C-alpha atoms as a PDB file:
ATOM      1  CA  MET A   1       0.000   0.000   0.000  1.00  0.00           C
ATOM      2  CA  PRO A   2       1.385   3.452  -0.882  1.00  0.00           C
ATOM      3  CA  ASP A   3       2.008   6.102   1.759  1.00  0.00           C
ATOM      4  CA  ARG A   4      -1.416   7.679   2.089  1.00  0.00           C
ATOM      5  CA  ARG A   5      -0.066  10.408   4.346  1.00  0.00           C
ATOM      6  CA  ALA A   6       1.841  11.758   1.334  1.00  0.00           C
ATOM      7  CA  LEU A   7      -1.441  13.408   0.368  1.00  0.00           C
ATOM      8  CA  ILE A   8      -1.517  15.620   3.476  1.00  0.00           C
ATOM      9  CA  GLY A   9      -1.413  19.296   2.520  1.00  0.00           C
ATOM     10  CA  ARG A  10      -2.580  18.724  -1.072  1.00  0.00           C
ATOM     11  CA  ARG A  11      -4.807  21.636  -2.140  1.00  0.00           C
ATOM     12  CA  TYR A  12      -7.351  22.083  -4.904  1.00  0.00           C
ATOM     13  CA  GLU A  13      -9.257  25.175  -6.002  1.00  0.00           C
ATOM     14  CA  SER A  14     -11.899  26.125  -8.546  1.00  0.00           C
ATOM     15  CA  ALA A  15     -12.796  29.793  -9.069  1.00  0.00           C
ATOM     16  CA  GLY A  16     -15.712  31.576 -10.684  1.00  0.00           C
ATOM     17  CA  LEU A  17     -18.383  29.026  -9.778  1.00  0.00           C
ATOM     18  CA  LEU A  18     -21.956  30.206 -10.155  1.00  0.00           C
ATOM     19  CA  VAL A  19     -24.559  29.525  -7.470  1.00  0.00           C
ATOM     20  CA  ASP A  20     -27.025  28.464 -10.135  1.00  0.00           C
ATOM     21  CA  ALA A  21     -30.785  28.842  -9.572  1.00  0.00           C
ATOM     22  CA  GLU A  22     -31.755  25.693 -11.481  1.00  0.00           C
ATOM     23  CA  GLU A  23     -29.061  23.571  -9.831  1.00  0.00           C
ATOM     24  CA  SER A  24     -29.836  24.844  -6.345  1.00  0.00           C
ATOM     25  CA  ASN A  25     -33.566  24.221  -6.855  1.00  0.00           C
ATOM     26  CA  ALA A  26     -32.795  20.670  -8.000  1.00  0.00           C
ATOM     27  CA  TYR A  27     -30.741  20.178  -4.849  1.00  0.00           C
ATOM     28  CA  HIS A  28     -33.574  21.512  -2.670  1.00  0.00           C
ATOM     29  CA  GLU A  29     -35.964  19.087  -4.361  1.00  0.00           C
ATOM     30  CA  ALA A  30     -33.584  16.155  -3.863  1.00  0.00           C
ATOM     31  CA  ILE A  31     -33.502  16.771  -0.091  1.00  0.00           C
ATOM     32  CA  GLY A  32     -37.207  17.623   0.170  1.00  0.00           C
ATOM     33  CA  ASP A  33     -36.502  21.237   1.128  1.00  0.00           C
ATOM     34  CA  GLU A  34     -38.878  22.878  -1.342  1.00  0.00           C
ATOM     35  CA  GLY A  35     -40.846  24.470   1.501  1.00  0.00           C
ATOM     36  CA  GLY A  36     -37.839  26.131   3.110  1.00  0.00           C
ATOM     37  CA  PRO A  37     -37.204  29.873   3.216  1.00  0.00           C
ATOM     38  CA  HIS A  38     -34.596  29.789   0.437  1.00  0.00           C
ATOM     39  CA  LEU A  39     -36.874  30.642  -2.473  1.00  0.00           C
ATOM     40  CA  ASP A  40     -38.314  33.666  -0.684  1.00  0.00           C
ATOM     41  CA  ARG A  41     -34.845  34.996   0.142  1.00  0.00           C
ATOM     42  CA  GLY A  42     -33.194  34.147  -3.174  1.00  0.00           C
ATOM     43  CA  THR A  43     -30.673  31.927  -1.411  1.00  0.00           C
ATOM     44  CA  ALA A  44     -29.489  28.325  -1.648  1.00  0.00           C
ATOM     45  CA  SER A  45     -29.324  25.747   1.102  1.00  0.00           C
ATOM     46  CA  PRO A  46     -25.878  25.697   2.727  1.00  0.00           C
ATOM     47  CA  PHE A  47     -25.808  21.994   1.855  1.00  0.00           C
ATOM     48  CA  TYR A  48     -25.735  22.977  -1.828  1.00  0.00           C
ATOM     49  CA  ALA A  49     -22.070  23.786  -1.184  1.00  0.00           C
ATOM     50  CA  VAL A  50     -21.345  20.059  -1.444  1.00  0.00           C
ATOM     51  CA  ARG A  51     -22.214  20.162  -5.140  1.00  0.00           C
ATOM     52  CA  LEU A  52     -19.723  22.942  -5.801  1.00  0.00           C
ATOM     53  CA  VAL A  53     -16.888  21.207  -3.949  1.00  0.00           C
ATOM     54  CA  ALA A  54     -17.740  17.697  -5.223  1.00  0.00           C
ATOM     55  CA  PRO A  55     -15.157  17.731  -8.077  1.00  0.00           C
ATOM     56  CA  LEU A  56     -12.462  18.748  -5.583  1.00  0.00           C
ATOM     57  CA  TRP A  57     -13.433  15.940  -3.195  1.00  0.00           C
ATOM     58  CA  ARG A  58     -13.154  13.488  -6.099  1.00  0.00           C
ATOM     59  CA  SER A  59      -9.695  14.788  -6.986  1.00  0.00           C
ATOM     60  CA  ILE A  60      -8.652  13.907  -3.445  1.00  0.00           C
ATOM     61  CA  TYR A  61     -10.180  10.475  -2.914  1.00  0.00           C
ATOM     62  CA  GLN A  62      -9.315   9.348  -6.440  1.00  0.00           C
ATOM     63  CA  ALA A  63      -5.663  10.382  -5.991  1.00  0.00           C
ATOM     64  CA  PRO A  64      -3.260   7.441  -6.557  1.00  0.00           C
ATOM     65  CA  GLU A  65      -1.729   8.030  -3.114  1.00  0.00           C
ATOM     66  CA  LEU A  66      -4.927   6.730  -1.508  1.00  0.00           C
ATOM     67  CA  ASP A  67      -4.991   3.573  -3.653  1.00  0.00           C
ATOM     68  CA  THR A  68      -8.738   2.987  -3.402  1.00  0.00           C
ATOM     69  CA  GLU A  69     -11.846   2.634  -5.567  1.00  0.00           C
ATOM     70  CA  ASP A  70     -14.779   5.027  -5.365  1.00  0.00           C
ATOM     71  CA  GLN A  71     -17.162   2.438  -3.892  1.00  0.00           C
ATOM     72  CA  ARG A  72     -14.688   1.764  -1.075  1.00  0.00           C
ATOM     73  CA  VAL A  73     -14.838   5.372   0.134  1.00  0.00           C
ATOM     74  CA  LEU A  74     -17.459   6.040   2.803  1.00  0.00           C
ATOM     75  CA  HIS A  75     -18.483   9.383   4.277  1.00  0.00           C
ATOM     76  CA  ALA A  76     -17.877   8.970   8.009  1.00  0.00           C
ATOM     77  CA  GLU A  77     -18.199  12.416   9.604  1.00  0.00           C
ATOM     78  CA  GLN A  78     -19.306  15.886   8.543  1.00  0.00           C
ATOM     79  CA  ARG A  79     -19.061  19.390   9.977  1.00  0.00           C
ATOM     80  CA  LEU A  80     -20.502  22.499   8.332  1.00  0.00           C
ATOM     81  CA  MET A  81     -20.401  26.185   9.216  1.00  0.00           C
ATOM     82  CA  ALA A  82     -22.644  28.587   7.286  1.00  0.00           C
ATOM     83  CA  HIS A  83     -21.087  32.028   7.764  1.00  0.00           C
ATOM     84  CA  ARG A  84     -23.884  33.710   5.835  1.00  0.00           C
ATOM     85  CA  ASP A  85     -26.574  32.897   3.280  1.00  0.00           C
ATOM     86  CA  LEU A  86     -25.378  31.449  -0.016  1.00  0.00           C
ATOM     87  CA  ARG A  87     -26.962  33.781  -2.566  1.00  0.00           C
ATOM     88  CA  VAL A  88     -28.325  32.506  -5.854  1.00  0.00           C
ATOM     89  CA  GLY A  89     -26.540  34.211  -8.752  1.00  0.00           C
ATOM     90  CA  GLU A  90     -23.306  35.015  -6.918  1.00  0.00           C
ATOM     91  CA  LYS A  91     -19.944  33.597  -7.969  1.00  0.00           C
ATOM     92  CA  VAL A  92     -17.734  31.826  -5.461  1.00  0.00           C
ATOM     93  CA  THR A  93     -14.408  30.026  -5.246  1.00  0.00           C
ATOM     94  CA  ALA A  94     -14.370  26.429  -4.020  1.00  0.00           C
ATOM     95  CA  GLN A  95     -11.346  25.167  -2.099  1.00  0.00           C
ATOM     96  CA  ALA A  96     -10.446  21.789  -0.609  1.00  0.00           C
ATOM     97  CA  TRP A  97      -7.323  20.456   1.055  1.00  0.00           C
ATOM     98  CA  VAL A  98      -6.232  17.353   2.946  1.00  0.00           C
ATOM     99  CA  ALA A  99      -5.763  18.279   6.604  1.00  0.00           C
ATOM    100  CA  ASP A 100      -4.740  14.788   7.768  1.00  0.00           C
ATOM    101  CA  VAL A 101      -4.824  11.060   7.032  1.00  0.00           C
ATOM    102  CA  VAL A 102      -5.495   8.995  10.161  1.00  0.00           C
ATOM    103  CA  GLY A 103      -6.504   5.599  11.405  1.00  0.00           C
ATOM    104  CA  PHE A 104     -10.263   5.089  11.561  1.00  0.00           C
ATOM    105  CA  GLY A 105     -11.187   1.762  13.133  1.00  0.00           C
ATOM    106  CA  PHE A 106      -9.913  -0.959  10.809  1.00  0.00           C
ATOM    107  CA  ASN A 107      -9.504   1.553   7.979  1.00  0.00           C
ATOM    108  CA  ASP A 108      -7.775   4.809   7.093  1.00  0.00           C
ATOM    109  CA  ALA A 109      -9.556   8.133   6.728  1.00  0.00           C
ATOM    110  CA  ALA A 110      -8.755  11.388   4.968  1.00  0.00           C
ATOM    111  CA  ILE A 111      -9.843  14.523   6.811  1.00  0.00           C
ATOM    112  CA  ILE A 112     -10.732  17.080   4.141  1.00  0.00           C
ATOM    113  CA  ARG A 113     -11.376  20.751   4.824  1.00  0.00           C
ATOM    114  CA  SER A 114     -13.257  22.585   2.133  1.00  0.00           C
ATOM    115  CA  GLY A 115     -15.501  25.538   1.546  1.00  0.00           C
ATOM    116  CA  LEU A 116     -16.716  28.427  -0.532  1.00  0.00           C
ATOM    117  CA  LEU A 117     -15.277  31.950  -0.584  1.00  0.00           C
ATOM    118  CA  ASP A 118     -16.967  35.070  -1.926  1.00  0.00           C
ATOM    119  CA  ALA A 119     -15.470  37.519  -4.428  1.00  0.00           C
ATOM    120  CA  GLU A 120     -13.542  39.261  -1.624  1.00  0.00           C
ATOM    121  CA  GLY A 121     -12.113  35.985  -0.321  1.00  0.00           C
ATOM    122  CA  ARG A 122     -14.373  35.831   2.730  1.00  0.00           C
ATOM    123  CA  PRO A 123     -15.799  32.445   3.790  1.00  0.00           C
ATOM    124  CA  VAL A 124     -19.421  31.719   2.964  1.00  0.00           C
ATOM    125  CA  VAL A 125     -19.592  28.014   3.884  1.00  0.00           C
ATOM    126  CA  SER A 126     -16.822  26.015   5.595  1.00  0.00           C
ATOM    127  CA  MET A 127     -16.828  22.229   5.884  1.00  0.00           C
ATOM    128  CA  GLU A 128     -14.767  19.409   7.298  1.00  0.00           C
ATOM    129  CA  SER A 129     -15.399  15.897   5.976  1.00  0.00           C
ATOM    130  CA  THR A 130     -13.952  12.609   7.148  1.00  0.00           C
ATOM    131  CA  LEU A 131     -13.837  10.081   4.302  1.00  0.00           C
ATOM    132  CA  ALA A 132     -13.031   6.525   5.372  1.00  0.00           C
ATOM    133  CA  MET A 133     -11.429   4.144   2.882  1.00  0.00           C
ATOM    134  CA  GLN A 134     -11.018   0.398   3.143  1.00  0.00           C
ATOM    135  CA  GLY A 135      -7.573  -0.771   4.141  1.00  0.00           C
ATOM    136  CA  SER A 136      -5.428   0.149   7.120  1.00  0.00           C
ATOM    137  CA  SER A 137      -1.931   1.636   7.061  1.00  0.00           C
ATOM    138  CA  GLY A 138      -1.594   1.214  10.819  1.00  0.00           C
ATOM    139  CA  LEU A 139      -1.959   4.963  11.385  1.00  0.00           C
ATOM    140  CA  PRO A 140      -2.983   6.352  14.789  1.00  0.00           C
ATOM    141  CA  PRO A 141      -6.462   7.885  15.123  1.00  0.00           C
ATOM    142  CA  SER A 142      -6.838  11.646  15.074  1.00  0.00           C
ATOM    143  CA  GLY A 143      -7.271  11.833  18.837  1.00  0.00           C
ATOM    144  CA  ARG A 144      -9.755  14.671  18.464  1.00  0.00           C
ATOM    145  CA  ARG A 145     -12.695  14.640  20.871  1.00  0.00           C
ATOM    146  CA  THR A 146     -16.183  15.366  19.595  1.00  0.00           C
ATOM    147  CA  VAL A 147     -17.988  17.796  21.903  1.00  0.00           C
ATOM    148  CA  GLN A 148     -21.774  17.820  21.992  1.00  0.00           C
ATOM    149  CA  PRO A 149     -24.071  19.913  24.195  1.00  0.00           C
ATOM    150  CA  ALA A 150     -26.059  18.104  26.879  1.00  0.00           C
ATOM    151  CA  LYS A 151     -29.523  17.044  25.681  1.00  0.00           C
ATOM    152  CA  GLY A 152     -32.555  18.786  27.158  1.00  0.00           C
ATOM    153  CA  GLU A 153     -36.242  18.608  26.393  1.00  0.00           C
ATOM    154  CA  SER A 154     -37.777  17.445  23.130  1.00  0.00           C
ATOM    155  CA  ALA A 155     -38.185  20.303  20.649  1.00  0.00           C
ATOM    156  CA  THR A 156     -39.578  18.517  17.586  1.00  0.00           C
ATOM    157  CA  THR A 157     -39.740  15.134  15.860  1.00  0.00           C
ATOM    158  CA  LEU A 158     -40.359  14.150  12.244  1.00  0.00           C
ATOM    159  CA  ARG A 159     -40.063  11.234   9.806  1.00  0.00           C
ATOM    160  CA  CYS A 160     -38.401  11.190   6.390  1.00  0.00           C
ATOM    161  CA  THR A 161     -38.943   8.390   3.889  1.00  0.00           C
ATOM    162  CA  PHE A 162     -36.346   7.837   1.160  1.00  0.00           C
ATOM    163  CA  ASP A 163     -37.838   6.125  -1.874  1.00  0.00           C
ATOM    164  CA  ALA A 164     -36.031   3.771  -4.257  1.00  0.00           C
ATOM    165  CA  ASP A 165     -35.056   6.618  -6.604  1.00  0.00           C
ATOM    166  CA  ALA A 166     -33.643   8.900  -3.877  1.00  0.00           C
ATOM    167  CA  PRO A 167     -29.986   7.908  -4.493  1.00  0.00           C
ATOM    168  CA  ARG A 168     -30.181   8.746  -8.188  1.00  0.00           C
ATOM    169  CA  ARG A 169     -31.915  12.088  -7.580  1.00  0.00           C
ATOM    170  CA  TYR A 170     -29.374  13.050  -4.982  1.00  0.00           C
ATOM    171  CA  ALA A 171     -26.455  11.853  -7.134  1.00  0.00           C
ATOM    172  CA  ASP A 172     -27.568  14.116  -9.973  1.00  0.00           C
ATOM    173  CA  ALA A 173     -28.285  17.085  -7.693  1.00  0.00           C
ATOM    174  CA  ALA A 174     -25.031  16.798  -5.712  1.00  0.00           C
ATOM    175  CA  ASP A 175     -22.766  15.696  -8.583  1.00  0.00           C
ATOM    176  CA  ASP A 176     -21.847  12.564  -6.601  1.00  0.00           C
ATOM    177  CA  HIS A 177     -22.201   9.420  -8.718  1.00  0.00           C
ATOM    178  CA  ASN A 178     -20.202   7.065  -6.515  1.00  0.00           C
ATOM    179  CA  PRO A 179     -21.337   3.552  -7.579  1.00  0.00           C
ATOM    180  CA  LEU A 180     -21.747   2.662  -3.890  1.00  0.00           C
ATOM    181  CA  HIS A 181     -25.032   4.576  -4.074  1.00  0.00           C
ATOM    182  CA  LEU A 182     -26.165   3.653  -7.576  1.00  0.00           C
ATOM    183  CA  ASP A 183     -25.066   0.094  -8.337  1.00  0.00           C
ATOM    184  CA  ASP A 184     -26.055  -2.913  -6.233  1.00  0.00           C
ATOM    185  CA  ALA A 185     -23.151  -5.034  -7.470  1.00  0.00           C
ATOM    186  CA  ALA A 186     -20.592  -2.343  -6.616  1.00  0.00           C
ATOM    187  CA  ALA A 187     -22.160  -1.866  -3.184  1.00  0.00           C
ATOM    188  CA  ARG A 188     -22.047  -5.628  -2.504  1.00  0.00           C
ATOM    189  CA  GLU A 189     -18.403  -5.664  -3.566  1.00  0.00           C
ATOM    190  CA  ALA A 190     -17.792  -3.044  -0.866  1.00  0.00           C
ATOM    191  CA  GLY A 191     -19.516  -5.216   1.750  1.00  0.00           C
ATOM    192  CA  HIS A 192     -23.088  -3.888   1.748  1.00  0.00           C
ATOM    193  CA  PRO A 193     -26.290  -5.846   0.953  1.00  0.00           C
ATOM    194  CA  GLY A 194     -27.001  -3.388  -1.864  1.00  0.00           C
ATOM    195  CA  ARG A 195     -26.712   0.281  -2.766  1.00  0.00           C
ATOM    196  CA  ILE A 196     -26.938   2.714   0.128  1.00  0.00           C
ATOM    197  CA  LEU A 197     -28.133   6.282   0.390  1.00  0.00           C
ATOM    198  CA  HIS A 198     -25.556   9.068   0.350  1.00  0.00           C
ATOM    199  CA  GLY A 199     -24.803  10.039   3.926  1.00  0.00           C
ATOM    200  CA  MET A 200     -25.150  13.688   2.961  1.00  0.00           C
ATOM    201  CA  CYS A 201     -28.610  12.979   1.533  1.00  0.00           C
ATOM    202  CA  THR A 202     -29.742  11.549   4.876  1.00  0.00           C
ATOM    203  CA  LEU A 203     -28.123  14.420   6.768  1.00  0.00           C
ATOM    204  CA  ALA A 204     -29.244  17.287   4.526  1.00  0.00           C
ATOM    205  CA  THR A 205     -32.809  15.967   4.290  1.00  0.00           C
ATOM    206  CA  GLY A 206     -33.268  15.516   8.024  1.00  0.00           C
ATOM    207  CA  ILE A 207     -31.433  18.638   9.156  1.00  0.00           C
ATOM    208  CA  SER A 208     -33.204  20.870   6.617  1.00  0.00           C
ATOM    209  CA  ALA A 209     -36.573  19.561   7.794  1.00  0.00           C
ATOM    210  CA  LEU A 210     -35.614  20.111  11.441  1.00  0.00           C
ATOM    211  CA  VAL A 211     -34.391  23.657  10.751  1.00  0.00           C
ATOM    212  CA  ASN A 212     -37.680  24.451   8.986  1.00  0.00           C
ATOM    213  CA  ALA A 213     -39.572  23.141  12.028  1.00  0.00           C
ATOM    214  CA  LEU A 214     -37.396  24.986  14.574  1.00  0.00           C
ATOM    215  CA  ARG A 215     -36.869  28.344  12.844  1.00  0.00           C
ATOM    216  CA  ASN A 216     -38.611  31.482  14.005  1.00  0.00           C
ATOM    217  CA  GLU A 217     -38.595  35.187  13.216  1.00  0.00           C
ATOM    218  CA  ARG A 218     -35.189  35.764  14.858  1.00  0.00           C
ATOM    219  CA  HIS A 219     -33.430  32.508  13.983  1.00  0.00           C
ATOM    220  CA  SER A 220     -34.333  30.983  10.637  1.00  0.00           C
ATOM    221  CA  ARG A 221     -31.191  29.495   9.139  1.00  0.00           C
ATOM    222  CA  LEU A 222     -28.547  26.910   9.930  1.00  0.00           C
ATOM    223  CA  ARG A 223     -25.323  28.233  11.426  1.00  0.00           C
ATOM    224  CA  TYR A 224     -23.399  25.096  12.466  1.00  0.00           C
ATOM    225  CA  LEU A 225     -23.776  21.344  12.170  1.00  0.00           C
ATOM    226  CA  GLN A 226     -21.758  18.292  13.041  1.00  0.00           C
ATOM    227  CA  ALA A 227     -22.588  14.596  12.700  1.00  0.00           C
ATOM    228  CA  ARG A 228     -21.071  11.136  12.515  1.00  0.00           C
ATOM    229  CA  PHE A 229     -22.619   8.619  10.141  1.00  0.00           C
ATOM    230  CA  SER A 230     -22.989   5.495  12.252  1.00  0.00           C
ATOM    231  CA  ARG A 231     -25.083   3.198  10.045  1.00  0.00           C
ATOM    232  CA  PRO A 232     -26.033   3.145   6.342  1.00  0.00           C
ATOM    233  CA  VAL A 233     -29.547   3.967   5.180  1.00  0.00           C
ATOM    234  CA  PHE A 234     -30.981   1.919   2.331  1.00  0.00           C
ATOM    235  CA  PRO A 235     -33.444   3.128  -0.332  1.00  0.00           C
ATOM    236  CA  GLY A 236     -37.020   2.563   0.799  1.00  0.00           C
ATOM    237  CA  SER A 237     -36.212   3.295   4.453  1.00  0.00           C
ATOM    238  CA  THR A 238     -37.959   5.680   6.842  1.00  0.00           C
ATOM    239  CA  VAL A 239     -35.725   7.553   9.284  1.00  0.00           C
ATOM    240  CA  ASP A 240     -36.995   9.143  12.489  1.00  0.00           C
ATOM    241  CA  PHE A 241     -35.376  12.474  13.364  1.00  0.00           C
ATOM    242  CA  ALA A 242     -35.624  14.289  16.686  1.00  0.00           C
ATOM    243  CA  ALA A 243     -34.260  17.571  18.030  1.00  0.00           C
ATOM    244  CA  HIS A 244     -33.797  18.333  21.722  1.00  0.00           C
ATOM    245  CA  THR A 245     -32.964  21.637  23.326  1.00  0.00           C
ATOM    246  CA  SER A 246     -29.582  22.099  24.980  1.00  0.00           C
ATOM    247  CA  VAL A 247     -27.883  24.433  27.440  1.00  0.00           C
ATOM    248  CA  ALA A 248     -26.214  26.211  24.512  1.00  0.00           C
ATOM    249  CA  ALA A 249     -28.223  29.078  23.027  1.00  0.00           C
ATOM    250  CA  HIS A 250     -30.170  28.182  19.870  1.00  0.00           C
ATOM    251  CA  ALA A 251     -28.420  24.779  19.733  1.00  0.00           C
ATOM    252  CA  TYR A 252     -30.198  21.455  19.411  1.00  0.00           C
ATOM    253  CA  VAL A 253     -29.030  17.895  19.931  1.00  0.00           C
ATOM    254  CA  VAL A 254     -30.180  15.761  17.009  1.00  0.00           C
ATOM    255  CA  GLY A 255     -31.012  12.068  16.890  1.00  0.00           C
ATOM    256  CA  ALA A 256     -31.733  10.007  13.781  1.00  0.00           C
ATOM    257  CA  SER A 257     -32.721   6.344  13.854  1.00  0.00           C
ATOM    258  CA  LEU A 258     -33.829   3.581  11.532  1.00  0.00           C
ATOM    259  CA  ASP A 259     -35.789   0.785  13.206  1.00  0.00           C
ATOM    260  CA  ARG A 260     -34.687   2.283  16.542  1.00  0.00           C
ATOM    261  CA  ARG A 261     -31.015   1.978  15.629  1.00  0.00           C
ATOM    262  CA  PRO A 262     -29.042   5.248  15.266  1.00  0.00           C
ATOM    263  CA  VAL A 263     -27.877   6.302  11.811  1.00  0.00           C
ATOM    264  CA  LEU A 264     -26.341   9.553  13.113  1.00  0.00           C
ATOM    265  CA  LYS A 265     -24.307  10.023  16.281  1.00  0.00           C
ATOM    266  CA  ASN A 266     -22.698  13.023  17.991  1.00  0.00           C
ATOM    267  CA  CYS A 267     -25.038  15.215  15.973  1.00  0.00           C
ATOM    268  CA  TRP A 268     -26.095  18.736  16.866  1.00  0.00           C
ATOM    269  CA  LEU A 269     -26.948  21.977  15.132  1.00  0.00           C
ATOM    270  CA  ARG A 270     -27.079  25.670  15.929  1.00  0.00           C
ATOM    271  CA  LEU A 271     -29.346  28.255  14.338  1.00  0.00           C
ATOM    272  CA  ALA A 272     -28.081  31.676  13.316  1.00  0.00           C
ATOM    273  CA  GLU A 273     -29.690  35.000  14.082  1.00  0.00           C
ATOM    274  CA  ASN A 274     -31.139  36.685  11.022  1.00  0.00           C
ATOM    275  CA  GLY A 275     -29.226  39.481   9.371  1.00  0.00           C
END
């Protein structure tokens, strides 16, 4: 196996990307967020950022230093910070770089930091993604602790059903055609019973619905999110999402389960004040 840590520090950038109205609407439809406040404000979901950075992510996990196939790459953790609304029609620069390559259970994982910058170079959306790949180089884990606010009272609950065509719709909307999500044979080769839903589809669908349920006149958009994908979701499944209050202001602890088994862990979100 090649030295996967040789990829640490590798940077990719793509400038002049348009936040396209048609593409952002297709993304909203793919995650069931058509009723959100985005259309009224002329903005895109912060999750739409994943479409704009998708080619950069591919450049990283398809790099020969990682020595892996697409279907053997699994989204393990995600963090997202929305610094402000992502405005439809604006042009942004996408950036992505490899912050670290670490041990992750019986596998390795690349920790990728990415995001969108506005015309003045200011951050609009910042993300950190942990992508696990089959095969271990014997690397130590990152050692980073995940901090989550203490859970309080129930704030809201909801259910999201993902039909058989959800992976294809999300693949087209997010520009993520990993065969793990679209081809049963490729998914079985990677150790799954069949194709699985994109982790970001599960996350973006549930979190967007929760934000729409929790928002109010002062706090109506997502500011921060973190989650660990603990179990795959298969097409045709119904996932139960719940948000609980916490001691942190405007922050909610999130649970997501399929047949009473968690599909997200260490998950919480914070809403931003308008303006």
